[in-house]
């Protein structure tokens, strides 16, 4: 049997932009992608602290060191610039492997979205 567990978590970053006219996804600073052990195109869940919205989308790469966190396309209707969000990815694994698995959790600077 397999279960779904938290693989990666970016805890509390600030939305810099919400671009309704982009084709979709969440743009993240490449430093955040690397630190959180995410890959471009990976499905993520976005939790909005400000309004309680939850949505699923996929990661696209933003400029390294930019602090970029942008919700694009339809997801832009679920956030406002300045909202605080949590980004989580999940992985399927065997129950026994899940018992000892350690997810990657990062806690960026909430004001700059950087890994000070």
Protein backbone atom coordinates (compact mmCIF):
# COMPACT_ATOMS: atom_id res chain seq x y z
CA UNK A 1 0.00 0.00 0.00
CA UNK A 2 1.12 3.55 -0.69
CA UNK A 3 0.20 6.74 1.09
CA UNK A 4 0.62 10.40 0.20
CA UNK A 5 2.92 12.37 2.52
CA UNK A 6 4.33 15.89 2.64
CA UNK A 7 7.49 16.00 0.49
CA UNK A 8 8.31 19.72 0.58
CA UNK A 9 6.98 22.82 2.30
CA UNK A 10 7.71 26.51 1.85
CA UNK A 11 6.27 28.04 5.00
CA UNK A 12 4.92 31.59 4.82
CA UNK A 13 6.05 33.60 1.83
CA UNK A 14 4.48 36.80 0.55
CA UNK A 15 2.69 36.96 -2.81
CA UNK A 16 4.48 39.58 -4.93
CA UNK A 17 2.12 39.51 -7.92
CA UNK A 18 -1.13 37.99 -9.15
CA UNK A 19 -1.16 37.84 -12.97
CA UNK A 20 -4.57 36.82 -14.27
CA UNK A 21 -3.49 37.01 -17.92
CA UNK A 22 -0.62 34.52 -17.65
CA UNK A 23 -1.23 30.91 -18.75
CA UNK A 24 -1.27 29.50 -15.23
CA UNK A 25 0.89 28.21 -12.37
CA UNK A 26 2.93 29.68 -9.54
CA UNK A 27 6.21 31.40 -10.34
CA UNK A 28 8.84 30.90 -7.62
CA UNK A 29 12.32 32.29 -7.13
CA UNK A 30 14.77 29.57 -8.26
CA UNK A 31 16.42 29.72 -4.82
CA UNK A 32 13.10 28.71 -3.19
CA UNK A 33 12.61 25.89 -5.70
CA UNK A 34 16.06 24.48 -4.98
CA UNK A 35 15.91 24.90 -1.20
CA UNK A 36 12.47 23.23 -1.01
CA UNK A 37 13.54 20.29 -3.19
CA UNK A 38 10.88 21.09 -5.79
CA UNK A 39 11.14 20.66 -9.54
CA UNK A 40 9.79 22.87 -12.29
CA UNK A 41 6.40 21.51 -13.34
CA UNK A 42 5.75 19.79 -10.01
CA UNK A 43 2.19 19.94 -8.66
CA UNK A 44 1.85 21.97 -5.47
CA UNK A 45 -0.91 22.98 -3.11
CA UNK A 46 -1.09 26.66 -2.20
CA UNK A 47 -2.67 27.63 1.12
CA UNK A 48 -3.62 31.29 1.55
CA UNK A 49 -3.25 32.38 5.18
CA UNK A 50 -5.18 35.61 4.56
CA UNK A 51 -8.42 34.21 3.14
CA UNK A 52 -8.30 30.43 3.71
CA UNK A 53 -8.27 29.57 -0.01
CA UNK A 54 -6.56 26.35 -1.09
CA UNK A 55 -5.64 25.60 -4.67
CA UNK A 56 -3.48 23.27 -6.72
CA UNK A 57 -1.19 24.39 -9.51
CA UNK A 58 2.33 23.70 -10.76
CA UNK A 59 5.73 25.35 -10.30
CA UNK A 60 7.47 27.50 -12.89
CA UNK A 61 10.89 29.05 -12.43
CA UNK A 62 11.39 32.70 -11.58
CA UNK A 63 14.68 34.58 -11.45
CA UNK A 64 17.16 33.38 -8.82
CA UNK A 65 17.45 35.75 -5.86
CA UNK A 66 14.38 37.76 -6.88
CA UNK A 67 12.04 36.73 -4.06
CA UNK A 68 9.44 36.16 -6.78
CA UNK A 69 6.19 34.50 -5.70
CA UNK A 70 3.54 35.10 -8.37
CA UNK A 71 0.19 33.35 -8.78
CA UNK A 72 -0.71 33.17 -12.46
CA UNK A 73 -3.86 32.54 -14.49
CA UNK A 74 -7.02 31.47 -12.64
CA UNK A 75 -5.05 31.10 -9.38
CA UNK A 76 -4.57 34.88 -9.42
CA UNK A 77 -8.24 35.22 -8.44
CA UNK A 78 -7.56 33.36 -5.18
CA UNK A 79 -4.85 35.73 -3.85
CA UNK A 80 -3.97 39.36 -3.58
CA UNK A 81 -0.54 40.91 -3.67
CA UNK A 82 0.73 40.92 -0.10
CA UNK A 83 -1.09 37.74 0.99
CA UNK A 84 0.91 35.23 2.99
CA UNK A 85 0.88 31.69 1.59
CA UNK A 86 2.23 28.22 2.34
CA UNK A 87 3.30 25.99 -0.57
CA UNK A 88 3.27 22.20 -0.14
CA UNK A 89 4.14 19.28 -2.40
CA UNK A 90 3.33 15.65 -1.69
CA UNK A 91 4.79 12.29 -2.68
CA UNK A 92 3.42 8.75 -2.83
CA UNK A 93 5.46 6.13 -1.02
CA UNK A 94 5.18 2.82 0.72
CA UNK A 95 3.90 2.99 4.29
CA UNK A 96 7.16 1.66 5.72
CA UNK A 97 9.24 4.22 3.79
CA UNK A 98 6.86 7.00 4.90
CA UNK A 99 7.48 6.20 8.55
CA UNK A 100 11.09 7.34 8.32
CA UNK A 101 10.81 9.89 5.51
CA UNK A 102 11.84 13.45 6.40
CA UNK A 103 10.25 16.19 4.27
CA UNK A 104 12.13 19.30 3.20
CA UNK A 105 10.76 22.27 5.16
CA UNK A 106 11.99 25.81 4.56
CA UNK A 107 11.12 29.01 6.39
CA UNK A 108 12.06 31.99 4.19
CA UNK A 109 12.10 35.57 5.38
CA UNK A 110 8.41 36.49 5.06
CA UNK A 111 9.18 40.09 4.07
CA UNK A 112 11.70 39.35 1.31
CA UNK A 113 10.92 35.70 0.41
CA UNK A 114 14.66 35.01 0.64
CA UNK A 115 16.62 32.44 2.61
CA UNK A 116 18.53 34.87 4.84
